[in-house]
Amino acid sequence: MTDLLLVGAGHAHLYVVQRAAELADAGYRVHLVAPRFFYYSGVASATAAGVLSSDEGRVDVRALACLSTVDFHEGSLEYLDLVARTAITSDGAHLSYDVLSVNIGSVVAPAGMHVHPTVLRVKPLSGLADLDVRLQTAARSSAATVTVVGGGATGLELAAHLAVRRDVALVRLVESGAIVGADLPAGARKRIRRVLAARGVDLRTGCVVRDIGERQLVCDDGTEISHDVALLA
């Protein structure tokens, strides 16, 4: 048998896992190293808007692997030897492989910025899993003030959806550049700004964030912006 090692359970690898029986017929033994749950990006906006819970956009990777008779190791890859073709997982397993496929997605990790552990990161999407609880906790006394850091496509979409939640009083969108959605066509930017304005989103441009704390962020020019919940997009 040829050992196929899959690292990560993104869209591509979930497709492969579902077809593990076909791979077995072709002479492959499939191993998967990944977190137990995969959060589907297609419902992230609905989750942010509070229309769906994070559980409704969640795939149980372990259950899918078991159903497909895939050797599943819950966790992450700790060590990889490309010459010897061996891997060590966070659960201590030592795996040998013939073929390796890596599908781990991306993370939000801006250089030079201090980020408090309570700040929610949009990537990986598992970072949004605690959004509802955090907003509900913050809104026990009054509706929450939310700061979204990053005015790219993800930040724009997130801010627009958060602004319609009943447990959110105010959304601030903070961008380091002079405009939000800099990579978008001018017409699209204009339309998005109208939508954000109609939903009461407070745009702060030209603010290079150096520190995101639990209750406030600080920009390079000394500007301080308070929040109940902060998200890094």
C-alpha atoms as a PDB file:
ATOM      1  CA  MET A   1       0.000   0.000   0.000  1.00  0.00           C
ATOM      2  CA  THR A   2       1.059   3.589  -0.668  1.00  0.00           C
ATOM      3  CA  ASP A   3       0.711   5.844   2.388  1.00  0.00           C
ATOM      4  CA  LEU A   4      -0.913   9.214   1.673  1.00  0.00           C
ATOM      5  CA  LEU A   5      -0.571  11.793   4.462  1.00  0.00           C
ATOM      6  CA  LEU A   6      -3.043  14.680   4.466  1.00  0.00           C
ATOM      7  CA  VAL A   7      -2.159  17.621   6.723  1.00  0.00           C
ATOM      8  CA  GLY A   8      -5.103  19.909   7.410  1.00  0.00           C
ATOM      9  CA  ALA A   9      -8.800  19.514   6.674  1.00  0.00           C
ATOM     10  CA  GLY A  10      -9.647  22.313   4.288  1.00  0.00           C
ATOM     11  CA  HIS A  11     -12.079  22.083   1.380  1.00  0.00           C
ATOM     12  CA  ALA A  12      -9.687  20.070  -0.797  1.00  0.00           C
ATOM     13  CA  HIS A  13      -8.855  17.464   1.826  1.00  0.00           C
ATOM     14  CA  LEU A  14     -12.462  17.002   2.907  1.00  0.00           C
ATOM     15  CA  TYR A  15     -13.204  16.118  -0.709  1.00  0.00           C
ATOM     16  CA  VAL A  16     -10.338  13.599  -0.679  1.00  0.00           C
ATOM     17  CA  VAL A  17     -11.475  12.068   2.625  1.00  0.00           C
ATOM     18  CA  GLN A  18     -14.983  11.551   1.262  1.00  0.00           C
ATOM     19  CA  ARG A  19     -13.440   9.529  -1.569  1.00  0.00           C
ATOM     20  CA  ALA A  20     -11.006   7.513   0.527  1.00  0.00           C
ATOM     21  CA  ALA A  21     -12.638   4.266  -0.592  1.00  0.00           C
ATOM     22  CA  GLU A  22     -11.700   5.032  -4.195  1.00  0.00           C
ATOM     23  CA  LEU A  23      -8.125   5.729  -3.099  1.00  0.00           C
ATOM     24  CA  ALA A  24      -8.037   2.456  -1.167  1.00  0.00           C
ATOM     25  CA  ASP A  25      -9.112   0.618  -4.306  1.00  0.00           C
ATOM     26  CA  ALA A  26      -6.222   2.334  -6.095  1.00  0.00           C
ATOM     27  CA  GLY A  27      -3.763   1.120  -3.451  1.00  0.00           C
ATOM     28  CA  TYR A  28      -3.589   4.100  -1.085  1.00  0.00           C
ATOM     29  CA  ARG A  29      -3.831   4.127   2.708  1.00  0.00           C
ATOM     30  CA  VAL A  30      -4.987   7.591   3.844  1.00  0.00           C
ATOM     31  CA  HIS A  31      -3.827   9.324   7.043  1.00  0.00           C
ATOM     32  CA  LEU A  32      -5.231  12.690   8.131  1.00  0.00           C
ATOM     33  CA  VAL A  33      -3.773  15.130  10.675  1.00  0.00           C
ATOM     34  CA  ALA A  34      -6.170  17.981  11.479  1.00  0.00           C
ATOM     35  CA  PRO A  35      -8.263  19.671  14.177  1.00  0.00           C
ATOM     36  CA  ARG A  36     -11.510  17.875  14.899  1.00  0.00           C
ATOM     37  CA  PHE A  37     -13.725  20.580  13.420  1.00  0.00           C
ATOM     38  CA  PHE A  38     -13.641  22.466  10.124  1.00  0.00           C
ATOM     39  CA  TYR A  39     -15.560  25.750   9.912  1.00  0.00           C
ATOM     40  CA  TYR A  40     -17.110  26.296   6.494  1.00  0.00           C
ATOM     41  CA  SER A  41     -16.353  29.737   5.052  1.00  0.00           C
ATOM     42  CA  GLY A  42     -19.612  29.797   3.098  1.00  0.00           C
ATOM     43  CA  VAL A  43     -21.623  30.471   6.259  1.00  0.00           C
ATOM     44  CA  ALA A  44     -19.116  32.751   8.008  1.00  0.00           C
ATOM     45  CA  SER A  45     -21.110  35.859   7.087  1.00  0.00           C
ATOM     46  CA  ALA A  46     -24.330  34.371   8.455  1.00  0.00           C
ATOM     47  CA  THR A  47     -22.473  33.449  11.643  1.00  0.00           C
ATOM     48  CA  ALA A  48     -21.141  36.994  11.997  1.00  0.00           C
ATOM     49  CA  ALA A  49     -24.628  38.420  11.474  1.00  0.00           C
ATOM     50  CA  GLY A  50     -26.029  36.133  14.163  1.00  0.00           C
ATOM     51  CA  VAL A  51     -28.362  34.367  11.728  1.00  0.00           C
ATOM     52  CA  LEU A  52     -26.628  31.011  12.226  1.00  0.00           C
ATOM     53  CA  SER A  53     -24.677  29.638  15.160  1.00  0.00           C
ATOM     54  CA  SER A  54     -21.059  28.630  14.602  1.00  0.00           C
ATOM     55  CA  ASP A  55     -22.077  24.979  15.066  1.00  0.00           C
ATOM     56  CA  GLU A  56     -24.274  25.101  11.970  1.00  0.00           C
ATOM     57  CA  GLY A  57     -21.292  25.796   9.731  1.00  0.00           C
ATOM     58  CA  ARG A  58     -19.076  23.197  11.365  1.00  0.00           C
ATOM     59  CA  VAL A  59     -17.975  19.862   9.906  1.00  0.00           C
ATOM     60  CA  ASP A  60     -16.988  17.075  12.303  1.00  0.00           C
ATOM     61  CA  VAL A  61     -13.764  15.968  10.625  1.00  0.00           C
ATOM     62  CA  ARG A  62     -13.222  13.038  12.979  1.00  0.00           C
ATOM     63  CA  ALA A  63     -16.668  11.627  12.249  1.00  0.00           C
ATOM     64  CA  LEU A  64     -16.150  12.014   8.504  1.00  0.00           C
ATOM     65  CA  ALA A  65     -12.739  10.330   8.706  1.00  0.00           C
ATOM     66  CA  CYS A  66     -14.154   7.409  10.690  1.00  0.00           C
ATOM     67  CA  LEU A  67     -17.003   7.019   8.226  1.00  0.00           C
ATOM     68  CA  SER A  68     -14.479   6.965   5.384  1.00  0.00           C
ATOM     69  CA  THR A  69     -12.095   4.578   7.222  1.00  0.00           C
ATOM     70  CA  VAL A  70      -9.316   7.177   7.233  1.00  0.00           C
ATOM     71  CA  ASP A  71      -6.594   7.002   9.903  1.00  0.00           C
ATOM     72  CA  PHE A  72      -7.355  10.244  11.775  1.00  0.00           C
ATOM     73  CA  HIS A  73      -5.004  12.061  14.169  1.00  0.00           C
ATOM     74  CA  GLU A  74      -6.660  14.982  15.919  1.00  0.00           C
ATOM     75  CA  GLY A  75      -4.323  17.937  16.361  1.00  0.00           C
ATOM     76  CA  SER A  76      -1.524  19.396  14.288  1.00  0.00           C
ATOM     77  CA  LEU A  77       1.773  18.546  12.643  1.00  0.00           C
ATOM     78  CA  GLU A  78       4.718  19.081  15.002  1.00  0.00           C
ATOM     79  CA  TYR A  79       7.646  17.849  12.903  1.00  0.00           C
ATOM     80  CA  LEU A  80       8.186  16.887   9.280  1.00  0.00           C
ATOM     81  CA  ASP A  81      11.241  15.208   7.740  1.00  0.00           C
ATOM     82  CA  LEU A  82      10.959  15.564   3.975  1.00  0.00           C
ATOM     83  CA  VAL A  83      14.026  13.397   3.329  1.00  0.00           C
ATOM     84  CA  ALA A  84      13.029  10.463   5.539  1.00  0.00           C
ATOM     85  CA  ARG A  85       9.339  11.056   4.751  1.00  0.00           C
ATOM     86  CA  THR A  86       8.257  10.877   8.356  1.00  0.00           C
ATOM     87  CA  ALA A  87       6.016  13.105  10.451  1.00  0.00           C
ATOM     88  CA  ILE A  88       5.301  13.566  14.150  1.00  0.00           C
ATOM     89  CA  THR A  89       1.874  14.793  15.227  1.00  0.00           C
ATOM     90  CA  SER A  90       0.810  16.732  18.311  1.00  0.00           C
ATOM     91  CA  ASP A  91      -0.767  13.550  19.709  1.00  0.00           C
ATOM     92  CA  GLY A  92       2.665  11.878  19.597  1.00  0.00           C
ATOM     93  CA  ALA A  93       2.101   9.645  16.593  1.00  0.00           C
ATOM     94  CA  HIS A  94       5.036   8.902  14.264  1.00  0.00           C
ATOM     95  CA  LEU A  95       3.815   8.516  10.691  1.00  0.00           C
ATOM     96  CA  SER A  96       5.635   7.389   7.580  1.00  0.00           C
ATOM     97  CA  TYR A  97       4.349   8.483   4.202  1.00  0.00           C
ATOM     98  CA  ASP A  98       4.979   8.099   0.501  1.00  0.00           C
ATOM     99  CA  VAL A  99       2.850  11.033  -0.656  1.00  0.00           C
ATOM    100  CA  LEU A 100       2.260  14.271   1.274  1.00  0.00           C
ATOM    101  CA  SER A 101      -0.469  16.882   0.774  1.00  0.00           C
ATOM    102  CA  VAL A 102      -0.697  20.058   2.875  1.00  0.00           C
ATOM    103  CA  ASN A 103      -3.970  22.012   3.076  1.00  0.00           C
ATOM    104  CA  ILE A 104      -3.784  24.126   6.238  1.00  0.00           C
ATOM    105  CA  GLY A 105      -5.243  27.473   5.167  1.00  0.00           C
ATOM    106  CA  SER A 106      -4.007  30.820   6.456  1.00  0.00           C
ATOM    107  CA  VAL A 107      -3.811  32.806   9.678  1.00  0.00           C
ATOM    108  CA  VAL A 108      -3.997  36.504  10.521  1.00  0.00           C
ATOM    109  CA  ALA A 109      -0.634  37.388  12.060  1.00  0.00           C
ATOM    110  CA  PRO A 110       0.457  40.951  11.198  1.00  0.00           C
ATOM    111  CA  ALA A 111       4.123  41.655  11.861  1.00  0.00           C
ATOM    112  CA  GLY A 112       4.995  44.206  14.523  1.00  0.00           C
ATOM    113  CA  MET A 113       1.538  44.270  16.117  1.00  0.00           C
ATOM    114  CA  HIS A 114       0.916  43.160  19.693  1.00  0.00           C
ATOM    115  CA  VAL A 115      -2.375  41.268  19.908  1.00  0.00           C
ATOM    116  CA  HIS A 116      -4.009  40.343  23.219  1.00  0.00           C
ATOM    117  CA  PRO A 117      -5.109  36.679  23.511  1.00  0.00           C
ATOM    118  CA  THR A 118      -8.771  37.742  23.848  1.00  0.00           C
ATOM    119  CA  VAL A 119      -8.797  39.306  20.374  1.00  0.00           C
ATOM    120  CA  LEU A 120     -10.698  37.133  17.889  1.00  0.00           C
ATOM    121  CA  ARG A 121      -8.888  36.309  14.657  1.00  0.00           C
ATOM    122  CA  VAL A 122     -10.939  35.761  11.524  1.00  0.00           C
ATOM    123  CA  LYS A 123      -8.412  33.311  10.060  1.00  0.00           C
ATOM    124  CA  PRO A 124      -8.533  30.477  10.744  1.00  0.00           C
ATOM    125  CA  LEU A 125     -12.332  30.615  10.847  1.00  0.00           C
ATOM    126  CA  SER A 126     -12.349  28.667  14.101  1.00  0.00           C
ATOM    127  CA  GLY A 127     -11.471  32.057  15.615  1.00  0.00           C
ATOM    128  CA  LEU A 128     -15.085  33.126  15.045  1.00  0.00           C
ATOM    129  CA  ALA A 129     -16.450  30.160  16.998  1.00  0.00           C
ATOM    130  CA  ASP A 130     -16.481  32.183  20.235  1.00  0.00           C
ATOM    131  CA  LEU A 131     -18.000  35.306  18.683  1.00  0.00           C
ATOM    132  CA  ASP A 132     -21.565  34.729  19.892  1.00  0.00           C
ATOM    133  CA  VAL A 133     -20.485  33.996  23.460  1.00  0.00           C
ATOM    134  CA  ARG A 134     -18.179  37.005  23.558  1.00  0.00           C
ATOM    135  CA  LEU A 135     -20.879  39.348  22.267  1.00  0.00           C
ATOM    136  CA  GLN A 136     -23.515  37.956  24.615  1.00  0.00           C
ATOM    137  CA  THR A 137     -21.161  38.349  27.571  1.00  0.00           C
ATOM    138  CA  ALA A 138     -20.266  41.910  26.580  1.00  0.00           C
ATOM    139  CA  ALA A 139     -23.920  42.816  26.018  1.00  0.00           C
ATOM    140  CA  ARG A 140     -25.196  41.747  29.451  1.00  0.00           C
ATOM    141  CA  SER A 141     -25.193  45.351  30.620  1.00  0.00           C
ATOM    142  CA  SER A 142     -25.618  47.013  27.209  1.00  0.00           C
ATOM    143  CA  ALA A 143     -25.113  46.245  23.518  1.00  0.00           C
ATOM    144  CA  ALA A 144     -21.465  45.748  22.587  1.00  0.00           C
ATOM    145  CA  THR A 145     -19.018  48.026  20.822  1.00  0.00           C
ATOM    146  CA  VAL A 146     -16.997  46.022  18.303  1.00  0.00           C
ATOM    147  CA  THR A 147     -13.776  46.997  16.555  1.00  0.00           C
ATOM    148  CA  VAL A 148     -12.757  45.258  13.332  1.00  0.00           C
ATOM    149  CA  VAL A 149      -9.097  45.783  12.423  1.00  0.00           C
ATOM    150  CA  GLY A 150      -8.402  45.510   8.700  1.00  0.00           C
ATOM    151  CA  GLY A 151     -10.298  47.173   5.865  1.00  0.00           C
ATOM    152  CA  GLY A 152      -9.812  44.528   3.202  1.00  0.00           C
ATOM    153  CA  ALA A 153     -12.580  42.375   1.742  1.00  0.00           C
ATOM    154  CA  THR A 154     -12.895  40.228   4.873  1.00  0.00           C
ATOM    155  CA  GLY A 155     -12.999  43.178   7.243  1.00  0.00           C
ATOM    156  CA  LEU A 156     -15.573  45.002   5.122  1.00  0.00           C
ATOM    157  CA  GLU A 157     -17.885  42.001   4.970  1.00  0.00           C
ATOM    158  CA  LEU A 158     -17.484  41.290   8.662  1.00  0.00           C
ATOM    159  CA  ALA A 159     -18.199  44.885   9.698  1.00  0.00           C
ATOM    160  CA  ALA A 160     -21.305  45.062   7.508  1.00  0.00           C
ATOM    161  CA  HIS A 161     -22.758  41.878   9.001  1.00  0.00           C
ATOM    162  CA  LEU A 162     -21.881  42.669  12.604  1.00  0.00           C
ATOM    163  CA  ALA A 163     -23.633  46.024  12.277  1.00  0.00           C
ATOM    164  CA  VAL A 164     -27.060  44.369  11.873  1.00  0.00           C
ATOM    165  CA  ARG A 165     -26.844  42.345  15.092  1.00  0.00           C
ATOM    166  CA  ARG A 166     -29.150  43.338  17.936  1.00  0.00           C
ATOM    167  CA  ASP A 167     -26.446  42.697  20.523  1.00  0.00           C
ATOM    168  CA  VAL A 168     -24.040  45.124  18.804  1.00  0.00           C
ATOM    169  CA  ALA A 169     -24.428  48.852  19.436  1.00  0.00           C
ATOM    170  CA  LEU A 170     -21.540  50.115  17.316  1.00  0.00           C
ATOM    171  CA  VAL A 171     -19.038  48.702  14.840  1.00  0.00           C
ATOM    172  CA  ARG A 172     -15.760  50.483  14.135  1.00  0.00           C
ATOM    173  CA  LEU A 173     -13.697  49.478  11.125  1.00  0.00           C
ATOM    174  CA  VAL A 174     -10.039  50.471  11.462  1.00  0.00           C
ATOM    175  CA  GLU A 175      -7.778  50.514   8.397  1.00  0.00           C
ATOM    176  CA  SER A 176      -4.125  51.529   8.137  1.00  0.00           C
ATOM    177  CA  GLY A 177      -4.445  52.842   4.585  1.00  0.00           C
ATOM    178  CA  ALA A 178      -6.135  55.972   3.322  1.00  0.00           C
ATOM    179  CA  ILE A 179      -9.184  54.055   2.054  1.00  0.00           C
ATOM    180  CA  VAL A 180     -10.954  50.781   2.768  1.00  0.00           C
ATOM    181  CA  GLY A 181     -11.185  48.131   0.068  1.00  0.00           C
ATOM    182  CA  ALA A 182      -8.128  49.491  -1.718  1.00  0.00           C
ATOM    183  CA  ASP A 183      -7.965  46.458  -4.036  1.00  0.00           C
ATOM    184  CA  LEU A 184     -11.566  46.878  -5.185  1.00  0.00           C
ATOM    185  CA  PRO A 185     -12.801  48.894  -8.190  1.00  0.00           C
ATOM    186  CA  ALA A 186     -13.731  52.486  -7.375  1.00  0.00           C
ATOM    187  CA  GLY A 187     -17.426  51.848  -8.005  1.00  0.00           C
ATOM    188  CA  ALA A 188     -17.471  48.882  -5.636  1.00  0.00           C
ATOM    189  CA  ARG A 189     -15.705  50.889  -2.927  1.00  0.00           C
ATOM    190  CA  LYS A 190     -18.249  53.684  -3.252  1.00  0.00           C
ATOM    191  CA  ARG A 191     -21.167  51.286  -2.955  1.00  0.00           C
ATOM    192  CA  ILE A 192     -19.638  49.511   0.050  1.00  0.00           C
ATOM    193  CA  ARG A 193     -19.073  52.815   1.826  1.00  0.00           C
ATOM    194  CA  ARG A 194     -22.753  53.659   1.306  1.00  0.00           C
ATOM    195  CA  VAL A 195     -23.792  50.319   2.808  1.00  0.00           C
ATOM    196  CA  LEU A 196     -21.492  50.756   5.797  1.00  0.00           C
ATOM    197  CA  ALA A 197     -22.705  54.319   6.360  1.00  0.00           C
ATOM    198  CA  ALA A 198     -26.342  53.189   6.206  1.00  0.00           C
ATOM    199  CA  ARG A 199     -25.594  50.572   8.860  1.00  0.00           C
ATOM    200  CA  GLY A 200     -23.829  53.058  11.114  1.00  0.00           C
ATOM    201  CA  VAL A 201     -20.311  51.638  10.810  1.00  0.00           C
ATOM    202  CA  ASP A 202     -17.667  54.082  12.049  1.00  0.00           C
ATOM    203  CA  LEU A 203     -14.764  54.097   9.555  1.00  0.00           C
ATOM    204  CA  ARG A 204     -11.307  55.011  10.833  1.00  0.00           C
ATOM    205  CA  THR A 205      -8.682  55.168   8.070  1.00  0.00           C
ATOM    206  CA  GLY A 206      -4.997  56.048   8.247  1.00  0.00           C
ATOM    207  CA  CYS A 207      -4.726  54.357  11.634  1.00  0.00           C
ATOM    208  CA  VAL A 208      -1.727  52.030  11.837  1.00  0.00           C
ATOM    209  CA  VAL A 209      -2.507  49.788  14.796  1.00  0.00           C
ATOM    210  CA  ARG A 210       0.436  48.806  16.967  1.00  0.00           C
ATOM    211  CA  ASP A 211      -1.410  47.219  19.896  1.00  0.00           C
ATOM    212  CA  ILE A 212      -4.811  45.541  20.244  1.00  0.00           C
ATOM    213  CA  GLY A 213      -5.676  45.078  23.893  1.00  0.00           C
ATOM    214  CA  GLU A 214      -8.598  43.421  25.603  1.00  0.00           C
ATOM    215  CA  ARG A 215     -10.541  46.696  25.859  1.00  0.00           C
ATOM    216  CA  GLN A 216      -8.792  49.154  23.551  1.00  0.00           C
ATOM    217  CA  LEU A 217      -6.385  49.455  20.668  1.00  0.00           C
ATOM    218  CA  VAL A 218      -3.590  51.960  20.177  1.00  0.00           C
ATOM    219  CA  CYS A 219      -2.430  53.403  16.853  1.00  0.00           C
ATOM    220  CA  ASP A 220       1.064  54.602  15.977  1.00  0.00           C
ATOM    221  CA  ASP A 221      -0.031  58.236  16.301  1.00  0.00           C
ATOM    222  CA  GLY A 222      -1.234  57.620  19.862  1.00  0.00           C
ATOM    223  CA  THR A 223      -4.937  57.396  19.020  1.00  0.00           C
ATOM    224  CA  GLU A 224      -6.791  55.101  21.423  1.00  0.00           C
ATOM    225  CA  ILE A 225     -10.018  53.351  20.455  1.00  0.00           C
ATOM    226  CA  SER A 226     -12.045  51.452  23.043  1.00  0.00           C
ATOM    227  CA  HIS A 227     -14.104  48.326  22.441  1.00  0.00           C
ATOM    228  CA  ASP A 228     -15.857  45.438  24.138  1.00  0.00           C
ATOM    229  CA  VAL A 229     -14.830  42.920  21.487  1.00  0.00           C
ATOM    230  CA  ALA A 230     -12.063  43.219  18.881  1.00  0.00           C
ATOM    231  CA  LEU A 231     -11.619  41.171  15.721  1.00  0.00           C
ATOM    232  CA  LEU A 232      -8.495  41.007  13.599  1.00  0.00           C
ATOM    233  CA  ALA A 233      -9.348  40.607   9.926  1.00  0.00           C
END
